[in-house]
Amino acid sequence: MRIVDIRECTVPVKSDMRNSSFDFSEMTTSIVAVITDVVRERRPVIGFAFNSTGRYACGAAMRARFIPRIL
């Protein structure tokens, strides 16, 4: 199995939750799709992930540093 592409998208959390430290309505998260060369039932096998809710997205670092090193 080889990774052929990695796609990242930053999305807002859009939650009304708040506590003494965080206002989650302003938080973002990164959604990641890892696309492989494996095909099952005529469709590529794709893995999906997101970073922890309540943290800011780290898409810029992934796109600039991590994804190019993996590919």
Foldseek 3Di string as FASTA:
>chain_A
DAFDAKDKDKDQPCDCDDDPPDRSNRAIKIKMKTWDPDDDPNHTDIDIDMDDRPHHYPVVCCVVPVRVVRD
